[in-house]
Amino acid sequence: MRKSTATKQALVVFGALALAWMTIELAFKPFLDKARAAIDKSDPTRDPDDVVDDSARHSSDDADVAADD
């Protein structure tokens, strides 16, 4: 008798978790869609920490041109 009670309890908990997940998905759908679209468009090989600002890039380009002369 204890085994069927544990099984019922596990099914109720699983059902509650599934319902909670669906509720969160529906409540935050617009935000989640935007976030997923941004992730799909992102480039995994690009590291934002490695991006050099434009002023430093132009000065290094000028140095390369001067070295070629």
N, C-alpha and C. Protein backbone atom coordinates (compact mmCIF):
# COMPACT_ATOMS: atom_id res chain seq x y z
N MET A 1 0.82 -1.19 0.00
CA MET A 1 0.00 0.00 0.00
C MET A 1 0.87 1.26 0.00
N ARG A 2 1.99 1.21 0.65
CA ARG A 2 2.90 2.37 0.68
C ARG A 2 3.45 2.66 -0.70
N LYS A 3 3.68 1.62 -1.51
CA LYS A 3 4.28 1.83 -2.83
C LYS A 3 3.35 2.63 -3.74
N SER A 4 2.07 2.34 -3.73
CA SER A 4 1.14 3.08 -4.59
C SER A 4 1.00 4.53 -4.12
N THR A 5 1.10 4.76 -2.83
CA THR A 5 1.03 6.12 -2.30
C THR A 5 2.25 6.93 -2.76
N ALA A 6 3.43 6.32 -2.71
CA ALA A 6 4.65 6.99 -3.16
C ALA A 6 4.60 7.27 -4.65
N THR A 7 4.05 6.34 -5.42
CA THR A 7 3.93 6.53 -6.85
C THR A 7 2.96 7.67 -7.16
N LYS A 8 1.85 7.71 -6.47
CA LYS A 8 0.88 8.78 -6.67
C LYS A 8 1.49 10.13 -6.31
N GLN A 9 2.22 10.14 -5.22
CA GLN A 9 2.84 11.39 -4.79
C GLN A 9 3.88 11.85 -5.81
N ALA A 10 4.66 10.93 -6.36
CA ALA A 10 5.66 11.28 -7.36
C ALA A 10 4.98 11.83 -8.62
N LEU A 11 3.88 11.22 -9.02
CA LEU A 11 3.15 11.69 -10.20
C LEU A 11 2.56 13.08 -9.97
N VAL A 12 2.05 13.34 -8.79
CA VAL A 12 1.51 14.65 -8.47
C VAL A 12 2.61 15.71 -8.49
N VAL A 13 3.75 15.38 -7.93
CA VAL A 13 4.88 16.33 -7.93
C VAL A 13 5.35 16.59 -9.35
N PHE A 14 5.48 15.53 -10.14
CA PHE A 14 5.89 15.69 -11.54
C PHE A 14 4.88 16.54 -12.32
N GLY A 15 3.61 16.29 -12.12
CA GLY A 15 2.57 17.08 -12.78
C GLY A 15 2.61 18.54 -12.36
N ALA A 16 2.85 18.79 -11.08
CA ALA A 16 2.94 20.17 -10.59
C ALA A 16 4.14 20.88 -11.20
N LEU A 17 5.26 20.19 -11.32
CA LEU A 17 6.45 20.79 -11.94
C LEU A 17 6.21 21.09 -13.42
N ALA A 18 5.54 20.17 -14.11
CA ALA A 18 5.24 20.39 -15.52
C ALA A 18 4.29 21.58 -15.68
N LEU A 19 3.30 21.68 -14.84
CA LEU A 19 2.37 22.81 -14.89
C LEU A 19 3.08 24.13 -14.58
N ALA A 20 3.97 24.12 -13.61
CA ALA A 20 4.73 25.33 -13.27
C ALA A 20 5.60 25.75 -14.44
N TRP A 21 6.25 24.79 -15.10
CA TRP A 21 7.10 25.10 -16.25
C TRP A 21 6.27 25.72 -17.38
N MET A 22 5.13 25.13 -17.67
CA MET A 22 4.27 25.67 -18.73
C MET A 22 3.77 27.06 -18.38
N THR A 23 3.46 27.30 -17.12
CA THR A 23 2.99 28.61 -16.69
C THR A 23 4.08 29.66 -16.88
N ILE A 24 5.29 29.32 -16.51
CA ILE A 24 6.42 30.25 -16.68
C ILE A 24 6.66 30.52 -18.16
N GLU A 25 6.63 29.48 -18.98
CA GLU A 25 6.81 29.65 -20.43
C GLU A 25 5.75 30.59 -21.02
N LEU A 26 4.51 30.42 -20.60
CA LEU A 26 3.45 31.28 -21.13
C LEU A 26 3.53 32.71 -20.59
N ALA A 27 3.87 32.85 -19.33
CA ALA A 27 3.92 34.18 -18.72
C ALA A 27 5.06 35.02 -19.30
N PHE A 28 6.19 34.40 -19.57
CA PHE A 28 7.36 35.12 -20.06
C PHE A 28 7.62 34.89 -21.53
N LYS A 29 6.61 34.47 -22.29
CA LYS A 29 6.78 34.13 -23.70
C LYS A 29 7.41 35.26 -24.52
N PRO A 30 6.94 36.50 -24.44
CA PRO A 30 7.57 37.55 -25.27
C PRO A 30 9.05 37.74 -24.94
N PHE A 31 9.38 37.75 -23.66
CA PHE A 31 10.77 37.92 -23.26
C PHE A 31 11.62 36.73 -23.70
N LEU A 32 11.10 35.53 -23.52
CA LEU A 32 11.84 34.33 -23.89
C LEU A 32 12.04 34.24 -25.40
N ASP A 33 11.04 34.65 -26.18
CA ASP A 33 11.19 34.64 -27.64
C ASP A 33 12.28 35.59 -28.09
N LYS A 34 12.32 36.79 -27.50
CA LYS A 34 13.37 37.75 -27.85
C LYS A 34 14.75 37.23 -27.45
N ALA A 35 14.84 36.65 -26.27
CA ALA A 35 16.12 36.12 -25.80
C ALA A 35 16.59 34.97 -26.68
N ARG A 36 15.69 34.08 -27.05
CA ARG A 36 16.07 32.95 -27.90
C ARG A 36 16.46 33.42 -29.30
N ALA A 37 15.79 34.43 -29.81
CA ALA A 37 16.15 34.98 -31.13
C ALA A 37 17.53 35.62 -31.08
N ALA A 38 17.82 36.32 -30.00
CA ALA A 38 19.13 36.95 -29.85
C ALA A 38 20.23 35.90 -29.75
N ILE A 39 19.95 34.82 -29.07
CA ILE A 39 20.92 33.73 -28.95
C ILE A 39 21.15 33.09 -30.31
N ASP A 40 20.07 32.91 -31.08
CA ASP A 40 20.21 32.31 -32.41
C ASP A 40 21.03 33.19 -33.35
N LYS A 41 20.91 34.52 -33.20
CA LYS A 41 21.63 35.44 -34.07
C LYS A 41 23.07 35.67 -33.61
N SER A 42 23.39 35.30 -32.39
CA SER A 42 24.71 35.61 -31.87
C SER A 42 25.78 34.73 -32.51
N ASP A 43 26.99 35.24 -32.51
CA ASP A 43 28.14 34.53 -33.06
C ASP A 43 28.95 33.96 -31.91
N PRO A 44 28.96 32.63 -31.74
CA PRO A 44 29.65 32.05 -30.59
C PRO A 44 31.17 32.21 -30.65
N THR A 45 31.73 32.51 -31.83
CA THR A 45 33.18 32.67 -31.93
C THR A 45 33.62 34.07 -31.55
N ARG A 46 32.68 35.02 -31.46
CA ARG A 46 33.03 36.41 -31.12
C ARG A 46 33.01 36.59 -29.61
N ASP A 47 34.10 37.10 -29.07
CA ASP A 47 34.20 37.37 -27.65
C ASP A 47 34.16 38.89 -27.45
N PRO A 48 33.13 39.41 -26.78
CA PRO A 48 33.03 40.86 -26.62
C PRO A 48 34.22 41.46 -25.87
N ASP A 49 34.89 40.68 -25.06
CA ASP A 49 36.04 41.20 -24.33
C ASP A 49 37.24 41.42 -25.23
N ASP A 50 37.26 40.76 -26.39
CA ASP A 50 38.38 40.89 -27.31
C ASP A 50 38.18 42.02 -28.33
N VAL A 51 37.03 42.63 -28.34
CA VAL A 51 36.75 43.69 -29.31
C VAL A 51 37.52 44.94 -28.92
N VAL A 52 38.25 45.48 -29.89
CA VAL A 52 39.03 46.70 -29.67
C VAL A 52 38.19 47.87 -30.15
N ASP A 53 38.20 48.98 -29.39
CA ASP A 53 37.40 50.12 -29.82
C ASP A 53 37.97 50.73 -31.10
N ASP A 54 37.16 51.53 -31.79
CA ASP A 54 37.51 52.04 -33.11
C ASP A 54 38.74 52.94 -33.09
N SER A 55 38.91 53.75 -32.05
CA SER A 55 40.05 54.66 -32.02
C SER A 55 41.36 53.89 -31.93
N ALA A 56 41.39 52.83 -31.16
CA ALA A 56 42.60 52.03 -31.07
C ALA A 56 42.84 51.26 -32.37
N ARG A 57 41.77 50.83 -33.01
CA ARG A 57 41.90 50.09 -34.27
C ARG A 57 42.46 51.00 -35.36
N HIS A 58 41.98 52.26 -35.43
CA HIS A 58 42.46 53.18 -36.46
C HIS A 58 43.92 53.55 -36.22
N SER A 59 44.32 53.72 -34.98
CA SER A 59 45.71 54.08 -34.72
C SER A 59 46.64 52.93 -35.06
N SER A 60 46.22 51.69 -34.84
CA SER A 60 47.07 50.56 -35.20
C SER A 60 47.11 50.38 -36.71
N ASP A 61 46.00 50.70 -37.42
CA ASP A 61 45.99 50.66 -38.88
C ASP A 61 46.94 51.70 -39.45
N ASP A 62 46.95 52.89 -38.84
CA ASP A 62 47.86 53.95 -39.29
C ASP A 62 49.31 53.54 -39.09
N ALA A 63 49.59 52.85 -38.00
CA ALA A 63 50.95 52.39 -37.73
C ALA A 63 51.37 51.34 -38.76
N ASP A 64 50.43 50.48 -39.19
CA ASP A 64 50.75 49.47 -40.19
C ASP A 64 51.04 50.12 -41.54
N VAL A 65 50.29 51.17 -41.89
CA VAL A 65 50.49 51.88 -43.14
C VAL A 65 51.84 52.58 -43.10
N ALA A 66 52.20 53.20 -41.99
CA ALA A 66 53.47 53.89 -41.86
C ALA A 66 54.64 52.90 -41.94
N ALA A 67 54.47 51.71 -41.41
CA ALA A 67 55.53 50.70 -41.44
C ALA A 67 55.73 50.18 -42.85
N ASP A 68 54.65 50.16 -43.66
CA ASP A 68 54.76 49.67 -45.03
C ASP A 68 55.52 50.65 -45.93
N ASP A 69 55.53 51.94 -45.57
CA ASP A 69 56.20 52.96 -46.39
C ASP A 69 57.64 52.82 -46.34
